[in-house]
């Protein structure tokens, strides 16, 4: 199979969707790791396919994140996603009216 291009970066708070195949069918204990830390588990269907989402928090630091999934037979799949830095600029705040009666 050909190389896949990396997904477009998303800002903090973005949802990233992952899909994979070739895992143990009906495995309910497929471990999901992000940068080496266990995030949780997902399950595969009767064909060994998985689909899950990772929802980043608004405070997620910008950078590249490596996702690794490991099924009960020790088979692994890997992918990465990129959290983009907030756009440049200074926050603005206004109040109306400027003063009370």
Protein backbone atom coordinates (compact mmCIF):
# COMPACT_ATOMS: atom_id res chain seq x y z
CA UNK A 1 0.00 0.00 0.00
CA UNK A 2 1.10 3.57 -0.61
CA UNK A 3 2.20 6.00 2.03
CA UNK A 4 -0.58 8.07 3.51
CA UNK A 5 -0.17 11.78 3.91
CA UNK A 6 -0.46 13.02 7.47
CA UNK A 7 -3.80 14.51 8.47
CA UNK A 8 -4.23 18.26 8.47
CA UNK A 9 -3.35 19.78 11.82
CA UNK A 10 -6.21 20.73 14.10
CA UNK A 11 -6.26 23.34 16.81
CA UNK A 12 -6.55 22.49 20.48
CA UNK A 13 -10.07 21.21 21.05
CA UNK A 14 -10.17 19.43 17.67
CA UNK A 15 -11.44 15.86 17.21
CA UNK A 16 -9.23 13.39 15.33
CA UNK A 17 -10.72 10.18 13.90
CA UNK A 18 -8.66 7.01 13.51
CA UNK A 19 -9.52 3.90 11.49
CA UNK A 20 -7.59 0.65 11.21
CA UNK A 21 -7.92 -2.95 10.05
CA UNK A 22 -6.16 -6.27 10.55
CA UNK A 23 -6.60 -6.48 14.30
CA UNK A 24 -7.95 -9.48 16.23
CA UNK A 25 -11.70 -9.71 15.42
CA UNK A 26 -14.10 -8.86 18.26
CA UNK A 27 -11.23 -7.80 20.52
CA UNK A 28 -12.64 -5.50 23.22
CA UNK A 29 -9.27 -4.75 24.84
CA UNK A 30 -7.28 -2.99 22.12
CA UNK A 31 -5.07 -0.54 23.98
CA UNK A 32 -4.74 3.03 22.71
CA UNK A 33 -1.55 4.88 23.62
CA UNK A 34 -0.68 8.51 22.93
CA UNK A 35 3.02 9.40 23.15
CA UNK A 36 3.57 6.21 25.15
CA UNK A 37 0.84 6.82 27.75
CA UNK A 38 -2.27 4.61 27.80
CA UNK A 39 -5.35 6.63 26.87
CA UNK A 40 -7.85 3.75 27.09
CA UNK A 41 -9.15 0.79 25.12
CA UNK A 42 -11.27 0.33 22.00
CA UNK A 43 -12.89 -2.69 20.41
CA UNK A 44 -12.67 -4.22 16.95
CA UNK A 45 -15.58 -5.51 14.89
CA UNK A 46 -15.97 -9.06 13.55
CA UNK A 47 -13.66 -8.19 10.65
CA UNK A 48 -10.88 -6.84 12.92
CA UNK A 49 -11.49 -3.19 12.06
CA UNK A 50 -11.29 -0.36 14.58
CA UNK A 51 -12.55 3.21 14.53
CA UNK A 52 -12.18 5.71 17.36
CA UNK A 53 -11.83 9.41 18.03
CA UNK A 54 -9.45 11.40 20.15
CA UNK A 55 -10.87 14.72 21.30
CA UNK A 56 -8.16 17.16 22.33
CA UNK A 57 -8.74 19.65 25.10
CA UNK A 58 -8.61 23.40 24.59
CA UNK A 59 -5.41 23.37 26.66
CA UNK A 60 -3.65 20.67 24.58
CA UNK A 61 -0.15 21.95 23.73
CA UNK A 62 0.71 22.39 20.05
CA UNK A 63 2.85 19.60 18.63
CA UNK A 64 2.92 16.15 17.10
CA UNK A 65 1.26 13.24 18.89
CA UNK A 66 2.02 9.57 18.17
CA UNK A 67 -0.87 7.12 18.53
CA UNK A 68 -0.21 3.40 18.89
CA UNK A 69 -2.85 0.68 19.23
CA UNK A 70 -2.03 -2.82 20.46
CA UNK A 71 -4.47 -5.74 20.22
CA UNK A 72 -4.61 -8.78 22.49
CA UNK A 73 -2.26 -10.69 20.15
CA UNK A 74 0.36 -7.93 20.39
CA UNK A 75 -0.23 -6.63 16.86
CA UNK A 76 0.23 -2.89 16.58
CA UNK A 77 -0.82 -0.02 14.36
CA UNK A 78 0.57 3.50 14.49
CA UNK A 79 -0.49 6.93 13.28
CA UNK A 80 0.17 10.54 14.22
CA UNK A 81 -1.79 13.73 14.52
CA UNK A 82 -0.72 17.34 14.80
CA UNK A 83 -2.18 19.97 17.10
CA UNK A 84 -1.65 23.42 15.59
CA UNK A 85 -0.56 26.43 17.61
CA UNK A 86 -3.17 29.11 18.16
CA UNK A 87 -3.15 31.84 15.54
CA UNK A 88 -0.92 34.80 16.27
CA UNK A 89 -2.31 38.03 17.57
CA UNK A 90 -3.32 39.62 20.83
CA UNK A 91 -6.64 38.87 22.46
CA UNK A 92 -9.08 41.80 22.45
CA UNK A 93 -11.77 42.56 25.00
CA UNK A 94 -14.33 45.36 25.00
CA UNK A 95 -17.13 46.37 27.35
CA UNK A 96 -20.30 48.29 26.58
CA UNK A 97 -21.21 50.69 28.04
CA UNK A 98 -17.80 51.98 29.06
CA UNK A 99 -19.23 53.33 32.33
CA UNK A 100 -22.47 53.10 34.26
CA UNK A 101 -25.03 55.84 35.01
